[in-house]
Amino acid sequence: MDKKESSIISLNLDLEKIDENVLSEIIFDAEEIIRQYIVKEIGDKLVSDLNITIIVDKNDKITFTIDVAFSAPKFLEMEYDNIIDNAIRNAAKVIEERLMMYVKK
């Protein structure tokens, strides 16, 4: 099962002010949001092999690519795709909020 979702948001960022430290902090916060959401929805004892990958490409724009995978028992009968989608949406909101501090004025 391979499902890709993408959204493009143009923020008119001042890219000169967004350095590696800023991007590292944003990635860390996004990973934590995803981790917390999945653990809250499924339970920390039932989630294993949680793998969160966030790739940032910074050229004339900034692109974040987020990939999430984990293992959980099948007996839970949960909509795992929905949980992952919601976790990524929450992380995307945090990323956007953090980047809004660097909009050109």
N, C-alpha and C. Protein backbone atom coordinates (compact mmCIF):
# COMPACT_ATOMS: atom_id res chain seq x y z
N MET A 1 0.86 -1.17 0.00
CA MET A 1 0.00 0.00 0.00
C MET A 1 0.90 1.23 0.00
N ASP A 2 0.75 2.03 -1.01
CA ASP A 2 1.56 3.22 -1.13
C ASP A 2 0.64 4.39 -1.41
N LYS A 3 0.55 5.29 -0.45
CA LYS A 3 -0.37 6.41 -0.57
C LYS A 3 0.43 7.69 -0.41
N LYS A 4 0.34 8.57 -1.37
CA LYS A 4 1.06 9.82 -1.32
C LYS A 4 0.07 10.97 -1.32
N GLU A 5 0.27 11.90 -0.45
CA GLU A 5 -0.57 13.09 -0.38
C GLU A 5 0.36 14.28 -0.37
N SER A 6 0.00 15.29 -1.10
CA SER A 6 0.86 16.47 -1.08
C SER A 6 0.00 17.71 -1.09
N SER A 7 0.55 18.73 -0.52
CA SER A 7 -0.09 20.03 -0.56
C SER A 7 1.00 21.08 -0.70
N ILE A 8 0.69 22.10 -1.45
CA ILE A 8 1.65 23.17 -1.70
C ILE A 8 1.09 24.45 -1.11
N ILE A 9 1.89 25.07 -0.27
CA ILE A 9 1.51 26.33 0.35
C ILE A 9 2.62 27.32 0.09
N SER A 10 2.28 28.46 -0.47
CA SER A 10 3.27 29.50 -0.74
C SER A 10 3.20 30.55 0.36
N LEU A 11 4.30 30.74 1.09
CA LEU A 11 4.31 31.65 2.23
C LEU A 11 5.12 32.92 2.00
N ASN A 12 5.83 33.03 0.86
CA ASN A 12 6.68 34.18 0.59
C ASN A 12 7.71 34.36 1.70
N LEU A 13 8.51 33.34 1.92
CA LEU A 13 9.47 33.31 3.02
C LEU A 13 10.73 34.09 2.70
N ASP A 14 11.34 34.61 3.75
CA ASP A 14 12.66 35.21 3.66
C ASP A 14 13.66 34.09 3.91
N LEU A 15 14.09 33.44 2.85
CA LEU A 15 14.91 32.23 2.97
C LEU A 15 16.27 32.49 3.59
N GLU A 16 16.77 33.71 3.50
CA GLU A 16 18.07 34.02 4.08
C GLU A 16 18.06 33.90 5.60
N LYS A 17 16.91 34.09 6.22
CA LYS A 17 16.81 34.01 7.68
C LYS A 17 16.59 32.59 8.18
N ILE A 18 16.31 31.67 7.28
CA ILE A 18 16.03 30.29 7.68
C ILE A 18 17.29 29.45 7.46
N ASP A 19 18.02 29.26 8.55
CA ASP A 19 19.27 28.50 8.45
C ASP A 19 19.06 27.06 8.91
N GLU A 20 20.14 26.31 8.96
CA GLU A 20 20.07 24.90 9.33
C GLU A 20 19.55 24.70 10.75
N ASN A 21 19.89 25.60 11.66
CA ASN A 21 19.41 25.48 13.04
C ASN A 21 17.90 25.63 13.11
N VAL A 22 17.37 26.60 12.39
CA VAL A 22 15.92 26.81 12.36
C VAL A 22 15.23 25.56 11.79
N LEU A 23 15.75 25.06 10.68
CA LEU A 23 15.15 23.87 10.07
C LEU A 23 15.24 22.66 10.99
N SER A 24 16.34 22.50 11.69
CA SER A 24 16.49 21.38 12.64
C SER A 24 15.46 21.45 13.76
N GLU A 25 15.23 22.64 14.27
CA GLU A 25 14.23 22.82 15.33
C GLU A 25 12.83 22.52 14.82
N ILE A 26 12.52 22.96 13.61
CA ILE A 26 11.21 22.70 13.03
C ILE A 26 11.01 21.20 12.82
N ILE A 27 12.02 20.53 12.32
CA ILE A 27 11.94 19.08 12.10
C ILE A 27 11.74 18.36 13.43
N PHE A 28 12.49 18.75 14.44
CA PHE A 28 12.35 18.12 15.76
C PHE A 28 10.93 18.28 16.28
N ASP A 29 10.39 19.50 16.20
CA ASP A 29 9.03 19.75 16.68
C ASP A 29 8.00 18.93 15.89
N ALA A 30 8.16 18.86 14.58
CA ALA A 30 7.24 18.09 13.74
C ALA A 30 7.29 16.61 14.08
N GLU A 31 8.48 16.08 14.29
CA GLU A 31 8.61 14.67 14.67
C GLU A 31 7.92 14.39 16.00
N GLU A 32 8.09 15.29 16.94
CA GLU A 32 7.46 15.11 18.25
C GLU A 32 5.94 15.14 18.15
N ILE A 33 5.40 16.04 17.34
CA ILE A 33 3.95 16.11 17.15
C ILE A 33 3.43 14.79 16.57
N ILE A 34 4.11 14.27 15.58
CA ILE A 34 3.71 13.00 14.96
C ILE A 34 3.78 11.87 15.98
N ARG A 35 4.90 11.79 16.68
CA ARG A 35 5.10 10.71 17.67
C ARG A 35 4.01 10.76 18.75
N GLN A 36 3.77 11.94 19.29
CA GLN A 36 2.77 12.09 20.35
C GLN A 36 1.37 11.73 19.87
N TYR A 37 1.04 12.14 18.65
CA TYR A 37 -0.30 11.86 18.12
C TYR A 37 -0.50 10.35 17.95
N ILE A 38 0.46 9.68 17.36
CA ILE A 38 0.33 8.25 17.12
C ILE A 38 0.27 7.48 18.43
N VAL A 39 1.11 7.83 19.37
CA VAL A 39 1.10 7.15 20.67
C VAL A 39 -0.23 7.40 21.39
N LYS A 40 -0.75 8.62 21.29
CA LYS A 40 -2.03 8.93 21.93
C LYS A 40 -3.17 8.13 21.31
N GLU A 41 -3.17 8.00 20.00
CA GLU A 41 -4.26 7.31 19.31
C GLU A 41 -4.20 5.80 19.47
N ILE A 42 -3.02 5.24 19.53
CA ILE A 42 -2.88 3.78 19.53
C ILE A 42 -2.46 3.23 20.89
N GLY A 43 -1.63 3.98 21.59
CA GLY A 43 -1.12 3.53 22.88
C GLY A 43 0.36 3.22 22.78
N ASP A 44 1.13 3.72 23.73
CA ASP A 44 2.59 3.59 23.65
C ASP A 44 3.06 2.13 23.75
N LYS A 45 2.30 1.28 24.39
CA LYS A 45 2.70 -0.13 24.52
C LYS A 45 2.42 -0.92 23.24
N LEU A 46 1.55 -0.39 22.37
CA LEU A 46 1.16 -1.14 21.17
C LEU A 46 1.87 -0.68 19.90
N VAL A 47 2.52 0.48 19.95
CA VAL A 47 3.23 0.99 18.78
C VAL A 47 4.67 0.50 18.84
N SER A 48 5.13 -0.06 17.72
CA SER A 48 6.53 -0.45 17.64
C SER A 48 7.08 -0.07 16.28
N ASP A 49 8.36 -0.02 16.18
CA ASP A 49 9.04 0.30 14.93
C ASP A 49 8.55 1.61 14.31
N LEU A 50 8.29 2.60 15.15
CA LEU A 50 7.85 3.91 14.64
C LEU A 50 9.01 4.57 13.93
N ASN A 51 8.80 4.86 12.66
CA ASN A 51 9.84 5.48 11.84
C ASN A 51 9.27 6.75 11.22
N ILE A 52 9.86 7.88 11.58
CA ILE A 52 9.44 9.17 11.06
C ILE A 52 10.62 9.75 10.30
N THR A 53 10.39 10.04 9.02
CA THR A 53 11.43 10.63 8.19
C THR A 53 10.92 11.96 7.67
N ILE A 54 11.67 13.01 7.93
CA ILE A 54 11.33 14.33 7.40
C ILE A 54 12.54 14.83 6.63
N ILE A 55 12.33 15.07 5.36
CA ILE A 55 13.39 15.56 4.49
C ILE A 55 13.06 16.99 4.10
N VAL A 56 14.06 17.86 4.20
CA VAL A 56 13.88 19.26 3.83
C VAL A 56 14.78 19.56 2.64
N ASP A 57 14.18 20.15 1.64
CA ASP A 57 14.92 20.58 0.46
C ASP A 57 14.81 22.10 0.41
N LYS A 58 15.95 22.76 0.52
CA LYS A 58 15.96 24.23 0.52
C LYS A 58 16.80 24.72 -0.64
N ASN A 59 16.14 25.28 -1.63
CA ASN A 59 16.79 25.93 -2.76
C ASN A 59 16.20 27.33 -2.86
N ASP A 60 15.43 27.57 -3.91
CA ASP A 60 14.73 28.84 -4.02
C ASP A 60 13.40 28.80 -3.30
N LYS A 61 13.09 27.64 -2.71
CA LYS A 61 11.92 27.44 -1.87
C LYS A 61 12.25 26.34 -0.87
N ILE A 62 11.39 26.12 0.10
CA ILE A 62 11.60 25.05 1.08
C ILE A 62 10.50 24.02 0.89
N THR A 63 10.91 22.76 0.77
CA THR A 63 9.97 21.66 0.61
C THR A 63 10.22 20.65 1.73
N PHE A 64 9.16 20.30 2.44
CA PHE A 64 9.23 19.27 3.47
C PHE A 64 8.55 18.02 2.94
N THR A 65 9.23 16.89 3.06
CA THR A 65 8.65 15.60 2.71
C THR A 65 8.61 14.77 3.99
N ILE A 66 7.42 14.31 4.34
CA ILE A 66 7.23 13.57 5.59
C ILE A 66 6.76 12.16 5.27
N ASP A 67 7.43 11.18 5.88
CA ASP A 67 7.05 9.78 5.71
C ASP A 67 6.97 9.16 7.09
N VAL A 68 5.88 8.45 7.35
CA VAL A 68 5.66 7.83 8.66
C VAL A 68 5.27 6.37 8.47
N ALA A 69 5.89 5.50 9.25
CA ALA A 69 5.54 4.08 9.25
C ALA A 69 5.70 3.54 10.67
N PHE A 70 4.85 2.58 11.02
CA PHE A 70 4.97 1.93 12.33
C PHE A 70 4.28 0.58 12.28
N SER A 71 4.52 -0.20 13.31
CA SER A 71 3.86 -1.49 13.45
C SER A 71 2.95 -1.45 14.66
N ALA A 72 1.81 -2.11 14.54
CA ALA A 72 0.86 -2.23 15.65
C ALA A 72 0.05 -3.51 15.42
N PRO A 73 -0.48 -4.07 16.49
CA PRO A 73 -1.25 -5.31 16.35
C PRO A 73 -2.49 -5.13 15.46
N LYS A 74 -2.76 -6.12 14.63
CA LYS A 74 -3.92 -6.05 13.73
C LYS A 74 -5.25 -6.13 14.48
N PHE A 75 -5.26 -6.71 15.66
CA PHE A 75 -6.52 -6.89 16.38
C PHE A 75 -7.17 -5.57 16.80
N LEU A 76 -6.45 -4.47 16.72
CA LEU A 76 -7.00 -3.18 17.13
C LEU A 76 -8.07 -2.67 16.17
N GLU A 77 -8.06 -3.12 14.93
CA GLU A 77 -9.03 -2.71 13.93
C GLU A 77 -9.19 -1.19 13.88
N MET A 78 -8.11 -0.51 13.66
CA MET A 78 -8.11 0.95 13.56
C MET A 78 -7.83 1.34 12.12
N GLU A 79 -8.20 2.54 11.79
CA GLU A 79 -7.89 3.11 10.48
C GLU A 79 -6.49 3.72 10.54
N TYR A 80 -5.49 2.86 10.36
CA TYR A 80 -4.11 3.31 10.51
C TYR A 80 -3.74 4.42 9.52
N ASP A 81 -4.24 4.33 8.29
CA ASP A 81 -3.95 5.39 7.32
C ASP A 81 -4.47 6.74 7.80
N ASN A 82 -5.67 6.74 8.39
CA ASN A 82 -6.23 7.99 8.91
C ASN A 82 -5.40 8.55 10.06
N ILE A 83 -4.92 7.67 10.91
CA ILE A 83 -4.09 8.11 12.03
C ILE A 83 -2.81 8.74 11.51
N ILE A 84 -2.17 8.10 10.54
CA ILE A 84 -0.95 8.66 9.96
C ILE A 84 -1.24 9.99 9.26
N ASP A 85 -2.32 10.02 8.48
CA ASP A 85 -2.67 11.27 7.78
C ASP A 85 -2.90 12.42 8.76
N ASN A 86 -3.63 12.15 9.84
CA ASN A 86 -3.89 13.19 10.84
C ASN A 86 -2.62 13.63 11.54
N ALA A 87 -1.74 12.68 11.84
CA ALA A 87 -0.47 13.03 12.47
C ALA A 87 0.35 13.93 11.56
N ILE A 88 0.39 13.61 10.28
CA ILE A 88 1.15 14.43 9.32
C ILE A 88 0.50 15.80 9.17
N ARG A 89 -0.83 15.86 9.12
CA ARG A 89 -1.52 17.16 9.04
C ARG A 89 -1.17 18.04 10.24
N ASN A 90 -1.17 17.44 11.43
CA ASN A 90 -0.82 18.20 12.64
C ASN A 90 0.61 18.71 12.56
N ALA A 91 1.51 17.88 12.07
CA ALA A 91 2.91 18.31 11.92
C ALA A 91 3.03 19.41 10.88
N ALA A 92 2.28 19.30 9.78
CA ALA A 92 2.32 20.33 8.74
C ALA A 92 1.84 21.68 9.28
N LYS A 93 0.84 21.66 10.15
CA LYS A 93 0.36 22.90 10.77
C LYS A 93 1.46 23.54 11.61
N VAL A 94 2.17 22.71 12.37
CA VAL A 94 3.26 23.22 13.20
C VAL A 94 4.38 23.78 12.32
N ILE A 95 4.71 23.08 11.26
CA ILE A 95 5.75 23.55 10.33
C ILE A 95 5.35 24.90 9.76
N GLU A 96 4.11 25.01 9.29
CA GLU A 96 3.64 26.26 8.71
C GLU A 96 3.66 27.40 9.73
N GLU A 97 3.20 27.12 10.95
CA GLU A 97 3.21 28.15 12.00
C GLU A 97 4.62 28.63 12.29
N ARG A 98 5.55 27.69 12.36
CA ARG A 98 6.94 28.07 12.64
C ARG A 98 7.54 28.88 11.49
N LEU A 99 7.22 28.51 10.26
CA LEU A 99 7.75 29.22 9.10
C LEU A 99 7.14 30.62 8.95
N MET A 100 5.94 30.81 9.47
CA MET A 100 5.28 32.12 9.36
C MET A 100 6.10 33.22 10.05
N MET A 101 6.99 32.86 10.94
CA MET A 101 7.84 33.86 11.59
C MET A 101 8.88 34.42 10.61
N TYR A 102 9.03 33.77 9.45
CA TYR A 102 10.06 34.17 8.48
C TYR A 102 9.47 34.67 7.16
N VAL A 103 8.23 35.14 7.21
CA VAL A 103 7.61 35.69 6.01
C VAL A 103 8.20 37.06 5.73
N LYS A 104 8.47 37.31 4.45
CA LYS A 104 8.99 38.62 4.06
C LYS A 104 7.95 39.69 4.37
N LYS A 105 8.45 40.81 4.88
CA LYS A 105 7.52 41.90 5.23
C LYS A 105 7.71 43.06 4.31
